[in-house]
Amino acid sequence: VQLQASGGGLVQAGGSLRLSCTASGDSFSTMTVGWFRQSPGKEREFVAAINYSGGSTHYADSVKGRFTISRDNAENTAYLQLSSLKPDDSADYYCAAGWPLYLTSLSKHYDYWGRGTLVTVSS
């Protein structure tokens, strides 16, 4: 499985972006997808996750109510809608996929990772 994240860019505080994570192969619809982010000098942190069907989601407290994760299995794509963006949201955003036993924020449970897409929020 190969993952490709896209959709990052420069946006003003309060603005919105939609990130996409497109997967290759036939397994995507069976996999949990997570989004993580990392900014310079900081550890990678969990942002959101969605189960294989899209019926369950999980968010970091820092983004709850502002970000929305979704997926379209027919398109082998997951999305992360970023709204009410703050400068602290600036980071490289990564998508990951795997088969964890539960909807998890722990990166070790995700087997496949894409390259990041950079989000920069100006104040």
C-alpha atoms as a PDB file:
ATOM      1  CA  VAL A   1       0.000   0.000   0.000  1.00  0.00           C
ATOM      2  CA  GLN A   2       1.313   3.395  -0.937  1.00  0.00           C
ATOM      3  CA  LEU A   3      -0.181   6.577   0.460  1.00  0.00           C
ATOM      4  CA  GLN A   4       0.032  10.050  -0.973  1.00  0.00           C
ATOM      5  CA  ALA A   5      -1.034  13.082   1.012  1.00  0.00           C
ATOM      6  CA  SER A   6      -1.852  16.329  -0.734  1.00  0.00           C
ATOM      7  CA  GLY A   7      -3.729  19.575  -0.303  1.00  0.00           C
ATOM      8  CA  GLY A   8      -1.427  21.485   1.997  1.00  0.00           C
ATOM      9  CA  GLY A   9      -0.644  25.132   1.510  1.00  0.00           C
ATOM     10  CA  LEU A  10      -0.495  28.600   3.007  1.00  0.00           C
ATOM     11  CA  VAL A  11      -3.663  29.912   4.624  1.00  0.00           C
ATOM     12  CA  GLN A  12      -4.544  32.749   6.951  1.00  0.00           C
ATOM     13  CA  ALA A  13      -5.662  32.119  10.495  1.00  0.00           C
ATOM     14  CA  GLY A  14      -9.347  31.297  10.544  1.00  0.00           C
ATOM     15  CA  GLY A  15      -9.186  29.789   7.085  1.00  0.00           C
ATOM     16  CA  SER A  16      -9.759  26.268   5.837  1.00  0.00           C
ATOM     17  CA  LEU A  17      -7.991  23.578   3.849  1.00  0.00           C
ATOM     18  CA  ARG A  18      -8.879  20.056   2.787  1.00  0.00           C
ATOM     19  CA  LEU A  19      -6.171  17.448   2.806  1.00  0.00           C
ATOM     20  CA  SER A  20      -6.434  14.254   0.789  1.00  0.00           C
ATOM     21  CA  CYS A  21      -4.776  10.890   1.288  1.00  0.00           C
ATOM     22  CA  THR A  22      -4.940   8.632  -1.748  1.00  0.00           C
ATOM     23  CA  ALA A  23      -3.964   4.988  -1.506  1.00  0.00           C
ATOM     24  CA  SER A  24      -2.858   2.440  -4.037  1.00  0.00           C
ATOM     25  CA  GLY A  25      -3.918  -1.187  -3.990  1.00  0.00           C
ATOM     26  CA  ASP A  26      -7.036  -3.048  -3.005  1.00  0.00           C
ATOM     27  CA  SER A  27      -6.757  -3.026   0.779  1.00  0.00           C
ATOM     28  CA  PHE A  28      -7.685   0.545   1.540  1.00  0.00           C
ATOM     29  CA  SER A  29     -11.316  -0.183   2.300  1.00  0.00           C
ATOM     30  CA  THR A  30     -10.278  -2.617   5.049  1.00  0.00           C
ATOM     31  CA  MET A  31      -7.877  -0.227   6.753  1.00  0.00           C
ATOM     32  CA  THR A  32      -8.075   2.338   9.511  1.00  0.00           C
ATOM     33  CA  VAL A  33      -6.657   5.688   8.406  1.00  0.00           C
ATOM     34  CA  GLY A  34      -4.982   8.165  10.686  1.00  0.00           C
ATOM     35  CA  TRP A  35      -3.683  11.678  10.254  1.00  0.00           C
ATOM     36  CA  PHE A  36      -0.672  12.887  12.186  1.00  0.00           C
ATOM     37  CA  ARG A  37       1.298  16.106  12.116  1.00  0.00           C
ATOM     38  CA  GLN A  38       4.763  17.267  13.006  1.00  0.00           C
ATOM     39  CA  SER A  39       6.216  20.748  13.226  1.00  0.00           C
ATOM     40  CA  PRO A  40       9.916  21.626  13.551  1.00  0.00           C
ATOM     41  CA  GLY A  41      11.326  20.812  16.958  1.00  0.00           C
ATOM     42  CA  LYS A  42       8.235  18.950  18.065  1.00  0.00           C
ATOM     43  CA  GLU A  43       7.293  15.309  18.201  1.00  0.00           C
ATOM     44  CA  ARG A  44       4.818  13.867  15.767  1.00  0.00           C
ATOM     45  CA  GLU A  45       1.313  14.076  17.168  1.00  0.00           C
ATOM     46  CA  PHE A  46      -1.955  12.385  16.429  1.00  0.00           C
ATOM     47  CA  VAL A  47      -4.671  14.439  14.763  1.00  0.00           C
ATOM     48  CA  ALA A  48      -7.554  12.162  13.760  1.00  0.00           C
ATOM     49  CA  ALA A  49      -8.454   8.620  12.758  1.00  0.00           C
ATOM     50  CA  ILE A  50     -11.300   6.910  10.959  1.00  0.00           C
ATOM     51  CA  ASN A  51     -12.204   3.247  10.844  1.00  0.00           C
ATOM     52  CA  TYR A  52     -12.443   1.174   7.673  1.00  0.00           C
ATOM     53  CA  SER A  53     -16.099   1.940   6.997  1.00  0.00           C
ATOM     54  CA  GLY A  54     -16.083   5.558   8.070  1.00  0.00           C
ATOM     55  CA  GLY A  55     -18.541   4.813  10.816  1.00  0.00           C
ATOM     56  CA  SER A  56     -16.218   5.696  13.675  1.00  0.00           C
ATOM     57  CA  THR A  57     -13.863   8.616  14.122  1.00  0.00           C
ATOM     58  CA  HIS A  58     -11.475   9.807  16.808  1.00  0.00           C
ATOM     59  CA  TYR A  59      -9.897  13.232  17.228  1.00  0.00           C
ATOM     60  CA  ALA A  60      -7.185  14.847  19.267  1.00  0.00           C
ATOM     61  CA  ASP A  61      -8.631  17.315  21.748  1.00  0.00           C
ATOM     62  CA  SER A  62      -6.682  20.114  20.101  1.00  0.00           C
ATOM     63  CA  VAL A  63      -8.594  19.765  16.821  1.00  0.00           C
ATOM     64  CA  LYS A  64     -11.974  18.505  17.969  1.00  0.00           C
ATOM     65  CA  GLY A  65     -14.744  20.653  16.535  1.00  0.00           C
ATOM     66  CA  ARG A  66     -12.433  22.225  13.959  1.00  0.00           C
ATOM     67  CA  PHE A  67     -11.176  19.291  11.877  1.00  0.00           C
ATOM     68  CA  THR A  68     -13.239  16.572  10.223  1.00  0.00           C
ATOM     69  CA  ILE A  69     -11.930  13.259   8.946  1.00  0.00           C
ATOM     70  CA  SER A  70     -13.809  11.323   6.275  1.00  0.00           C
ATOM     71  CA  ARG A  71     -13.195   8.758   3.568  1.00  0.00           C
ATOM     72  CA  ASP A  72     -14.440   7.582   0.191  1.00  0.00           C
ATOM     73  CA  ASN A  73     -13.516   3.940  -0.238  1.00  0.00           C
ATOM     74  CA  ALA A  74     -14.684   3.924  -3.837  1.00  0.00           C
ATOM     75  CA  GLU A  75     -11.991   6.516  -4.524  1.00  0.00           C
ATOM     76  CA  ASN A  76      -9.382   4.953  -2.198  1.00  0.00           C
ATOM     77  CA  THR A  77      -9.125   8.345  -0.536  1.00  0.00           C
ATOM     78  CA  ALA A  78      -9.376   9.760   2.953  1.00  0.00           C
ATOM     79  CA  TYR A  79      -9.815  13.423   3.737  1.00  0.00           C
ATOM     80  CA  LEU A  80      -9.051  15.803   6.539  1.00  0.00           C
ATOM     81  CA  GLN A  81     -11.039  19.027   6.485  1.00  0.00           C
ATOM     82  CA  LEU A  82      -9.218  21.704   8.443  1.00  0.00           C
ATOM     83  CA  SER A  83     -11.295  24.694   9.562  1.00  0.00           C
ATOM     84  CA  SER A  84     -10.819  27.622  11.926  1.00  0.00           C
ATOM     85  CA  LEU A  85      -7.109  27.185  11.465  1.00  0.00           C
ATOM     86  CA  LYS A  86      -4.656  28.617  13.948  1.00  0.00           C
ATOM     87  CA  PRO A  87      -0.939  29.322  13.568  1.00  0.00           C
ATOM     88  CA  ASP A  88      -0.291  26.414  15.970  1.00  0.00           C
ATOM     89  CA  ASP A  89      -1.808  24.085  13.355  1.00  0.00           C
ATOM     90  CA  SER A  90       1.149  24.737  11.052  1.00  0.00           C
ATOM     91  CA  ALA A  91       2.957  21.441  10.444  1.00  0.00           C
ATOM     92  CA  ASP A  92       3.692  18.664   8.021  1.00  0.00           C
ATOM     93  CA  TYR A  93       0.588  16.510   7.916  1.00  0.00           C
ATOM     94  CA  TYR A  94       0.967  12.779   7.310  1.00  0.00           C
ATOM     95  CA  CYS A  95      -1.593  10.119   6.600  1.00  0.00           C
ATOM     96  CA  ALA A  96      -1.126   6.558   7.742  1.00  0.00           C
ATOM     97  CA  ALA A  97      -3.070   3.331   7.387  1.00  0.00           C
ATOM     98  CA  GLY A  98      -3.182  -0.034   9.068  1.00  0.00           C
ATOM     99  CA  TRP A  99      -5.254  -2.628  10.833  1.00  0.00           C
ATOM    100  CA  PRO A 100      -5.184  -1.748  14.516  1.00  0.00           C
ATOM    101  CA  LEU A 101      -7.496  -3.677  16.780  1.00  0.00           C
ATOM    102  CA  TYR A 102      -9.168  -0.441  17.771  1.00  0.00           C
ATOM    103  CA  LEU A 103      -9.348   3.170  16.621  1.00  0.00           C
ATOM    104  CA  THR A 104      -6.037   4.373  17.968  1.00  0.00           C
ATOM    105  CA  SER A 105      -3.925   7.498  18.216  1.00  0.00           C
ATOM    106  CA  LEU A 106      -0.721   5.484  18.591  1.00  0.00           C
ATOM    107  CA  SER A 107       1.480   5.721  15.520  1.00  0.00           C
ATOM    108  CA  LYS A 108       3.042   2.296  16.113  1.00  0.00           C
ATOM    109  CA  HIS A 109      -0.223   0.644  15.099  1.00  0.00           C
ATOM    110  CA  TYR A 110      -0.153   2.098  11.597  1.00  0.00           C
ATOM    111  CA  ASP A 111       1.798   0.081   9.053  1.00  0.00           C
ATOM    112  CA  TYR A 112       1.895   2.392   6.061  1.00  0.00           C
ATOM    113  CA  TRP A 113       2.798   6.051   5.897  1.00  0.00           C
ATOM    114  CA  GLY A 114       2.695   8.645   3.183  1.00  0.00           C
ATOM    115  CA  ARG A 115       4.929  11.630   2.720  1.00  0.00           C
ATOM    116  CA  GLY A 116       3.781  14.770   4.421  1.00  0.00           C
ATOM    117  CA  THR A 117       1.953  17.744   3.030  1.00  0.00           C
ATOM    118  CA  LEU A 118       2.874  21.094   4.526  1.00  0.00           C
ATOM    119  CA  VAL A 119       0.249  23.328   6.100  1.00  0.00           C
ATOM    120  CA  THR A 120       1.285  26.838   7.043  1.00  0.00           C
ATOM    121  CA  VAL A 121      -1.137  29.114   8.875  1.00  0.00           C
ATOM    122  CA  SER A 122      -0.249  32.779   8.994  1.00  0.00           C
ATOM    123  CA  SER A 123      -1.424  35.066  11.774  1.00  0.00           C
END
